[in-house]
Amino acid sequence: MRRLKEPSGYADLYRMSAAILAAVLLVFLFIFTQPIDLRQHNNLLNNFKNLHSDEARLGETVLELNFSLSNNYDQINLIISH
């Protein structure tokens, strides 16, 4: 059976330097990230919830208009203006 050669020292050096660079990057990101403002976060979630419900209502209204179940465009204008 043949023995494989010992791995070169350069490969280990590259792996160690990549690991150190990754660790430094993670520490840098951890230190310089800003804390989350809960009020702003909750306002953003509330806006997304409202947008989602408006989109669902708009989709229902457009389908009603498409299948001639309704001829009233006031609901679409109200949703879009909101």
N, C-alpha and C. Protein backbone atom coordinates (compact mmCIF):
# COMPACT_ATOMS: atom_id res chain seq x y z
N MET A 1 0.81 -1.17 0.00
CA MET A 1 0.00 0.00 0.00
C MET A 1 0.87 1.25 0.00
N ARG A 2 0.46 2.21 -0.81
CA ARG A 2 1.23 3.45 -0.87
C ARG A 2 0.74 4.43 0.17
N ARG A 3 1.66 5.14 0.73
CA ARG A 3 1.30 6.18 1.69
C ARG A 3 1.12 7.49 0.95
N LEU A 4 0.09 8.23 1.36
CA LEU A 4 -0.11 9.55 0.79
C LEU A 4 0.89 10.52 1.39
N LYS A 5 1.23 11.51 0.62
CA LYS A 5 2.17 12.51 1.11
C LYS A 5 1.50 13.36 2.19
N GLU A 6 2.31 13.88 3.03
CA GLU A 6 1.83 14.79 4.07
C GLU A 6 1.25 16.04 3.41
N PRO A 7 0.15 16.61 3.93
CA PRO A 7 -0.38 17.84 3.34
C PRO A 7 0.63 18.97 3.52
N SER A 8 0.66 19.82 2.55
CA SER A 8 1.62 20.91 2.60
C SER A 8 1.23 21.91 3.67
N GLY A 9 2.20 22.62 4.14
CA GLY A 9 1.99 23.63 5.17
C GLY A 9 1.20 24.81 4.66
N TYR A 10 1.25 25.05 3.35
CA TYR A 10 0.54 26.20 2.79
C TYR A 10 -0.97 26.01 2.85
N ALA A 11 -1.45 24.80 2.65
CA ALA A 11 -2.89 24.55 2.70
C ALA A 11 -3.42 24.82 4.10
N ASP A 12 -2.68 24.40 5.12
CA ASP A 12 -3.10 24.67 6.49
C ASP A 12 -3.07 26.17 6.78
N LEU A 13 -2.09 26.85 6.24
CA LEU A 13 -1.98 28.30 6.44
C LEU A 13 -3.17 29.01 5.82
N TYR A 14 -3.59 28.60 4.62
CA TYR A 14 -4.74 29.21 3.96
C TYR A 14 -6.03 28.95 4.75
N ARG A 15 -6.18 27.75 5.26
CA ARG A 15 -7.37 27.43 6.05
C ARG A 15 -7.41 28.24 7.34
N MET A 16 -6.28 28.35 7.99
CA MET A 16 -6.23 29.12 9.23
C MET A 16 -6.50 30.59 8.96
N SER A 17 -5.94 31.14 7.89
CA SER A 17 -6.16 32.56 7.61
C SER A 17 -7.62 32.80 7.21
N ALA A 18 -8.25 31.86 6.51
CA ALA A 18 -9.66 32.00 6.15
C ALA A 18 -10.53 31.95 7.41
N ALA A 19 -10.21 31.08 8.34
CA ALA A 19 -10.97 30.98 9.58
C ALA A 19 -10.80 32.25 10.42
N ILE A 20 -9.60 32.78 10.49
CA ILE A 20 -9.36 34.01 11.25
C ILE A 20 -10.08 35.18 10.59
N LEU A 21 -10.04 35.25 9.28
CA LEU A 21 -10.75 36.33 8.57
C LEU A 21 -12.24 36.24 8.81
N ALA A 22 -12.81 35.04 8.78
CA ALA A 22 -14.24 34.88 9.04
C ALA A 22 -14.58 35.28 10.47
N ALA A 23 -13.74 34.93 11.43
CA ALA A 23 -13.98 35.29 12.82
C ALA A 23 -13.92 36.81 13.01
N VAL A 24 -12.94 37.45 12.39
CA VAL A 24 -12.82 38.91 12.48
C VAL A 24 -14.02 39.58 11.85
N LEU A 25 -14.49 39.08 10.73
CA LEU A 25 -15.66 39.64 10.07
C LEU A 25 -16.90 39.50 10.95
N LEU A 26 -17.09 38.35 11.58
CA LEU A 26 -18.24 38.16 12.46
C LEU A 26 -18.19 39.09 13.66
N VAL A 27 -17.00 39.26 14.24
CA VAL A 27 -16.86 40.17 15.38
C VAL A 27 -17.14 41.60 14.94
N PHE A 28 -16.65 41.99 13.77
CA PHE A 28 -16.89 43.33 13.24
C PHE A 28 -18.39 43.57 13.04
N LEU A 29 -19.09 42.60 12.43
CA LEU A 29 -20.52 42.74 12.22
C LEU A 29 -21.29 42.78 13.54
N PHE A 30 -20.87 42.00 14.51
CA PHE A 30 -21.54 41.97 15.81
C PHE A 30 -21.38 43.30 16.53
N ILE A 31 -20.21 43.91 16.46
CA ILE A 31 -19.94 45.16 17.19
C ILE A 31 -20.63 46.34 16.53
N PHE A 32 -20.64 46.41 15.21
CA PHE A 32 -21.10 47.60 14.53
C PHE A 32 -22.56 47.54 14.05
N THR A 33 -23.30 46.50 14.39
CA THR A 33 -24.71 46.49 14.03
C THR A 33 -25.49 47.34 15.03
N GLN A 34 -26.56 47.93 14.55
CA GLN A 34 -27.38 48.79 15.40
C GLN A 34 -28.48 47.97 16.06
N PRO A 35 -28.86 48.34 17.28
CA PRO A 35 -29.97 47.63 17.91
C PRO A 35 -31.29 47.96 17.20
N ILE A 36 -32.24 47.08 17.34
CA ILE A 36 -33.53 47.24 16.67
C ILE A 36 -34.40 48.18 17.50
N ASP A 37 -34.98 49.18 16.83
CA ASP A 37 -35.94 50.06 17.47
C ASP A 37 -37.30 49.36 17.42
N LEU A 38 -37.82 48.96 18.57
CA LEU A 38 -39.04 48.16 18.60
C LEU A 38 -40.25 48.94 18.10
N ARG A 39 -40.32 50.23 18.37
CA ARG A 39 -41.45 51.03 17.90
C ARG A 39 -41.47 51.07 16.37
N GLN A 40 -40.31 51.32 15.79
CA GLN A 40 -40.22 51.36 14.33
C GLN A 40 -40.50 49.98 13.72
N HIS A 41 -40.02 48.94 14.37
CA HIS A 41 -40.25 47.57 13.90
C HIS A 41 -41.74 47.23 13.93
N ASN A 42 -42.42 47.59 15.02
CA ASN A 42 -43.85 47.30 15.12
C ASN A 42 -44.66 48.12 14.12
N ASN A 43 -44.26 49.38 13.87
CA ASN A 43 -44.94 50.18 12.86
C ASN A 43 -44.78 49.56 11.48
N LEU A 44 -43.60 49.07 11.19
CA LEU A 44 -43.35 48.44 9.90
C LEU A 44 -44.18 47.17 9.74
N LEU A 45 -44.25 46.35 10.78
CA LEU A 45 -45.07 45.13 10.73
C LEU A 45 -46.55 45.48 10.55
N ASN A 46 -47.01 46.53 11.22
CA ASN A 46 -48.39 46.96 11.09
C ASN A 46 -48.67 47.44 9.66
N ASN A 47 -47.73 48.17 9.07
CA ASN A 47 -47.90 48.63 7.69
C ASN A 47 -47.95 47.46 6.72
N PHE A 48 -47.11 46.46 6.93
CA PHE A 48 -47.14 45.27 6.08
C PHE A 48 -48.46 44.51 6.22
N LYS A 49 -48.99 44.44 7.45
CA LYS A 49 -50.26 43.76 7.67
C LYS A 49 -51.39 44.50 6.94
N ASN A 50 -51.39 45.83 7.04
CA ASN A 50 -52.40 46.62 6.35
C ASN A 50 -52.29 46.48 4.83
N LEU A 51 -51.06 46.49 4.34
CA LEU A 51 -50.84 46.33 2.91
C LEU A 51 -51.34 44.97 2.42
N HIS A 52 -51.08 43.94 3.21
CA HIS A 52 -51.52 42.59 2.85
C HIS A 52 -53.05 42.51 2.80
N SER A 53 -53.72 43.08 3.79
CA SER A 53 -55.18 43.03 3.80
C SER A 53 -55.77 43.86 2.67
N ASP A 54 -55.16 45.03 2.37
CA ASP A 54 -55.63 45.84 1.24
C ASP A 54 -55.44 45.12 -0.08
N GLU A 55 -54.32 44.42 -0.21
CA GLU A 55 -54.07 43.66 -1.44
C GLU A 55 -55.09 42.54 -1.61
N ALA A 56 -55.44 41.88 -0.53
CA ALA A 56 -56.44 40.81 -0.61
C ALA A 56 -57.80 41.37 -0.99
N ARG A 57 -58.19 42.49 -0.37
CA ARG A 57 -59.48 43.12 -0.71
C ARG A 57 -59.50 43.59 -2.15
N LEU A 58 -58.37 44.16 -2.61
CA LEU A 58 -58.30 44.62 -3.99
C LEU A 58 -58.43 43.45 -4.97
N GLY A 59 -57.79 42.34 -4.66
CA GLY A 59 -57.88 41.16 -5.51
C GLY A 59 -59.31 40.64 -5.59
N GLU A 60 -60.00 40.60 -4.44
CA GLU A 60 -61.40 40.16 -4.45
C GLU A 60 -62.27 41.09 -5.28
N THR A 61 -62.07 42.39 -5.14
CA THR A 61 -62.88 43.36 -5.87
C THR A 61 -62.62 43.28 -7.37
N VAL A 62 -61.36 43.10 -7.75
CA VAL A 62 -61.03 42.99 -9.18
C VAL A 62 -61.65 41.72 -9.76
N LEU A 63 -61.63 40.63 -9.01
CA LEU A 63 -62.26 39.40 -9.49
C LEU A 63 -63.77 39.57 -9.66
N GLU A 64 -64.40 40.28 -8.71
CA GLU A 64 -65.83 40.54 -8.84
C GLU A 64 -66.12 41.35 -10.10
N LEU A 65 -65.30 42.35 -10.36
CA LEU A 65 -65.49 43.16 -11.56
C LEU A 65 -65.22 42.34 -12.82
N ASN A 66 -64.23 41.47 -12.78
CA ASN A 66 -63.86 40.67 -13.93
C ASN A 66 -64.98 39.71 -14.33
N PHE A 67 -65.66 39.13 -13.33
CA PHE A 67 -66.73 38.17 -13.61
C PHE A 67 -68.11 38.81 -13.60
N SER A 68 -68.15 40.14 -13.69
CA SER A 68 -69.41 40.91 -13.77
C SER A 68 -70.32 40.65 -12.58
N LEU A 69 -69.74 40.43 -11.40
CA LEU A 69 -70.55 40.28 -10.19
C LEU A 69 -70.83 41.64 -9.57
N SER A 70 -70.07 42.62 -10.00
CA SER A 70 -70.24 43.97 -9.49
C SER A 70 -69.84 44.95 -10.59
N ASN A 71 -70.47 46.13 -10.57
CA ASN A 71 -70.11 47.18 -11.52
C ASN A 71 -69.66 48.44 -10.80
N ASN A 72 -69.34 48.31 -9.54
CA ASN A 72 -68.99 49.45 -8.72
C ASN A 72 -67.48 49.54 -8.56
N TYR A 73 -66.90 50.65 -9.03
CA TYR A 73 -65.46 50.86 -8.92
C TYR A 73 -65.07 51.68 -7.70
N ASP A 74 -66.03 52.05 -6.88
CA ASP A 74 -65.74 52.87 -5.72
C ASP A 74 -64.85 52.14 -4.71
N GLN A 75 -65.08 50.84 -4.54
CA GLN A 75 -64.26 50.07 -3.59
C GLN A 75 -62.80 50.03 -4.04
N ILE A 76 -62.56 49.90 -5.34
CA ILE A 76 -61.17 49.90 -5.85
C ILE A 76 -60.53 51.26 -5.63
N ASN A 77 -61.26 52.33 -5.90
CA ASN A 77 -60.73 53.67 -5.68
C ASN A 77 -60.41 53.91 -4.21
N LEU A 78 -61.27 53.40 -3.32
CA LEU A 78 -61.04 53.56 -1.89
C LEU A 78 -59.78 52.81 -1.44
N ILE A 79 -59.62 51.57 -1.93
CA ILE A 79 -58.45 50.77 -1.54
C ILE A 79 -57.16 51.41 -2.07
N ILE A 80 -57.19 51.85 -3.33
CA ILE A 80 -55.99 52.45 -3.93
C ILE A 80 -55.64 53.77 -3.26
N SER A 81 -56.64 54.56 -2.89
CA SER A 81 -56.35 55.83 -2.22
C SER A 81 -55.81 55.60 -0.80
N HIS A 82 -56.21 54.48 -0.20
CA HIS A 82 -55.72 54.16 1.15
C HIS A 82 -54.25 53.81 1.09
